[in-house]
Amino acid sequence: MNRQKSDPAKNYKTAQIKTASQGRLIIMLYDGAITFITTAINAVHEKKIEQIHHNITRAQDIITELMTSLNFESGGKIAQDLLSIYIFINKQLIEANIKKTDAPLHEALSLLRGLKESWEKISETESAARNFGRSDTESGINLAG
């Protein structure tokens, strides 16, 4: 019987993801992309080519996940606007990966931090509404982005 050891950190992260609200999951994705881009910026300064590429592609994977999770039917213009921002961020990541420069990474990072801050505010409002026994639709919040 070949049993793998349990990784408490991985188990905790898995439990966090499984129990998170939609807004919290989006924030977690932003956190991941921000971490990868920050690491890529550091790698640019240290001229660590493989690390730059690895971290940028991980950030791109997250941006792709955010793009594919958009709901255009219920998200409407907000979903369209988010898609445009995600496409721009992805272009910045591609440019940074090709040129191995940090300027496009800083621009992508700035946008992601702003989006994360907005989603944190939305999640706080959603949580407050839930605590008062109101649904998302009663609170006027649509997390269909």
Protein backbone atom coordinates (compact mmCIF):
# COMPACT_ATOMS: atom_id res chain seq x y z
CA MET A 1 0.00 0.00 0.00
CA ASN A 2 1.59 3.20 -1.20
CA ARG A 3 0.06 6.07 0.76
CA GLN A 4 1.30 9.57 0.22
CA LYS A 5 1.84 11.78 3.24
CA SER A 6 -0.81 14.38 3.90
CA ASP A 7 0.32 17.95 3.32
CA PRO A 8 -1.47 20.13 5.91
CA ALA A 9 -0.78 23.37 4.02
CA LYS A 10 -2.16 21.92 0.79
CA ASN A 11 -5.18 20.48 2.61
CA TYR A 12 -5.87 23.86 4.23
CA LYS A 13 -5.63 25.65 0.87
CA THR A 14 -7.97 23.09 -0.72
CA ALA A 15 -10.50 23.57 2.09
CA GLN A 16 -10.25 27.37 1.69
CA ILE A 17 -11.03 27.10 -2.01
CA LYS A 18 -13.91 24.67 -1.55
CA THR A 19 -15.62 26.84 1.06
CA ALA A 20 -14.93 30.28 -0.43
CA SER A 21 -17.63 32.50 -1.89
CA GLN A 22 -17.42 33.52 -5.55
CA GLY A 23 -16.06 36.93 -4.60
CA ARG A 24 -13.44 35.41 -2.31
CA LEU A 25 -12.32 33.01 -5.06
CA ILE A 26 -11.79 35.94 -7.42
CA ILE A 27 -9.76 37.74 -4.76
CA MET A 28 -7.66 34.58 -4.29
CA LEU A 29 -7.00 34.49 -8.04
CA TYR A 30 -5.95 38.15 -7.97
CA ASP A 31 -3.65 37.41 -5.03
CA GLY A 32 -2.04 34.58 -6.97
CA ALA A 33 -1.50 36.70 -10.08
CA ILE A 34 -0.10 39.56 -7.99
CA THR A 35 2.33 37.18 -6.29
CA PHE A 36 3.53 35.69 -9.59
CA ILE A 37 3.97 39.11 -11.20
CA THR A 38 5.85 40.44 -8.17
CA THR A 39 8.15 37.42 -8.30
CA ALA A 40 8.65 37.98 -12.04
CA ILE A 41 9.59 41.62 -11.41
CA ASN A 42 12.20 40.49 -8.89
CA ALA A 43 13.48 37.92 -11.38
CA VAL A 44 13.83 40.65 -14.06
CA HIS A 45 16.03 42.63 -11.68
CA GLU A 46 18.09 39.52 -10.95
CA LYS A 47 18.16 38.57 -14.67
CA LYS A 48 16.77 35.09 -13.94
CA ILE A 49 15.27 34.34 -17.35
CA GLU A 50 13.64 31.00 -16.48
CA GLN A 51 12.05 32.45 -13.34
CA ILE A 52 10.69 35.41 -15.30
CA HIS A 53 9.08 33.11 -17.85
CA HIS A 54 7.73 30.66 -15.27
CA ASN A 55 6.08 33.33 -13.13
CA ILE A 56 4.65 35.28 -16.05
CA THR A 57 3.09 32.15 -17.54
CA ARG A 58 1.58 31.28 -14.14
CA ALA A 59 0.08 34.79 -13.97
CA GLN A 60 -1.23 34.36 -17.54
CA ASP A 61 -2.91 31.10 -16.51
CA ILE A 62 -4.74 32.98 -13.78
CA ILE A 63 -5.77 35.79 -16.13
CA THR A 64 -7.08 33.16 -18.56
CA GLU A 65 -9.07 31.57 -15.74
CA LEU A 66 -10.54 34.96 -14.86
CA MET A 67 -11.48 35.53 -18.52
CA THR A 68 -13.17 32.17 -18.92
CA SER A 69 -15.14 32.62 -15.70
CA LEU A 70 -16.84 35.81 -16.89
CA ASN A 71 -20.60 35.53 -17.29
CA PHE A 72 -21.61 37.88 -20.10
CA GLU A 73 -25.34 37.17 -19.76
CA SER A 74 -25.69 38.38 -16.21
CA GLY A 75 -22.51 40.46 -16.07
CA GLY A 76 -23.36 42.64 -19.07
CA LYS A 77 -21.15 45.71 -19.53
CA ILE A 78 -19.13 44.99 -16.39
CA ALA A 79 -18.15 41.58 -17.74
CA GLN A 80 -17.22 43.16 -21.10
CA ASP A 81 -15.12 45.81 -19.34
CA LEU A 82 -13.37 43.18 -17.22
CA LEU A 83 -12.62 41.15 -20.34
CA SER A 84 -11.01 44.21 -21.94
CA ILE A 85 -8.88 44.78 -18.85
CA TYR A 86 -7.85 41.10 -18.69
CA ILE A 87 -6.90 41.16 -22.39
CA PHE A 88 -4.78 44.26 -21.79
CA ILE A 89 -3.11 42.67 -18.75
CA ASN A 90 -2.38 39.55 -20.79
CA LYS A 91 -0.80 41.67 -23.55
CA GLN A 92 1.38 43.36 -20.92
CA LEU A 93 2.46 39.95 -19.62
CA ILE A 94 3.30 38.76 -23.12
CA GLU A 95 5.35 41.89 -23.79
CA ALA A 96 7.20 41.52 -20.48
CA ASN A 97 7.93 37.87 -21.21
CA ILE A 98 9.26 38.59 -24.70
CA LYS A 99 11.35 41.62 -23.75
CA LYS A 100 12.22 40.49 -20.20
CA THR A 101 11.49 43.99 -18.88
CA ASP A 102 9.52 45.01 -15.83
CA ALA A 103 7.61 48.12 -17.02
CA PRO A 104 4.68 46.12 -18.46
CA LEU A 105 4.66 43.97 -15.32
CA HIS A 106 4.29 47.06 -13.14
CA GLU A 107 1.34 48.21 -15.25
CA ALA A 108 -0.34 44.79 -15.00
CA LEU A 109 0.36 44.72 -11.27
CA SER A 110 -1.23 48.13 -10.75
CA LEU A 111 -4.39 47.10 -12.58
CA LEU A 112 -4.67 43.83 -10.67
CA ARG A 113 -4.24 45.57 -7.33
CA GLY A 114 -7.04 47.99 -8.23
CA LEU A 115 -9.33 45.17 -9.33
CA LYS A 116 -8.56 43.21 -6.17
CA GLU A 117 -9.40 46.21 -4.02
CA SER A 118 -12.74 46.59 -5.82
CA TRP A 119 -13.60 42.93 -5.36
CA GLU A 120 -12.69 43.13 -1.67
CA LYS A 121 -15.22 45.95 -1.27
CA ILE A 122 -17.84 43.94 -3.18
CA SER A 123 -17.16 40.87 -1.03
CA GLU A 124 -17.46 42.90 2.18
CA THR A 125 -20.82 44.25 1.04
CA GLU A 126 -21.94 40.76 0.00
CA SER A 127 -20.88 39.36 3.38
CA ALA A 128 -22.65 42.13 5.28
CA ALA A 129 -25.83 41.54 3.29
CA ARG A 130 -25.65 37.81 4.01
CA ASN A 131 -25.15 38.50 7.73
CA PHE A 132 -28.37 40.50 7.73
CA GLY A 133 -30.25 37.66 6.04
CA ARG A 134 -30.45 39.20 2.57
CA SER A 135 -29.52 37.42 -0.61
CA ASP A 136 -27.10 38.83 -3.19
CA THR A 137 -29.97 39.97 -5.36
CA GLU A 138 -31.68 41.74 -2.47
CA SER A 139 -28.46 43.63 -1.74
CA GLY A 140 -28.18 44.71 -5.36
CA ILE A 141 -24.86 42.93 -5.89
CA ASN A 142 -24.24 40.75 -8.88
CA LEU A 143 -20.98 38.83 -8.75
CA ALA A 144 -21.47 37.59 -12.28
CA GLY A 145 -18.22 39.26 -13.34
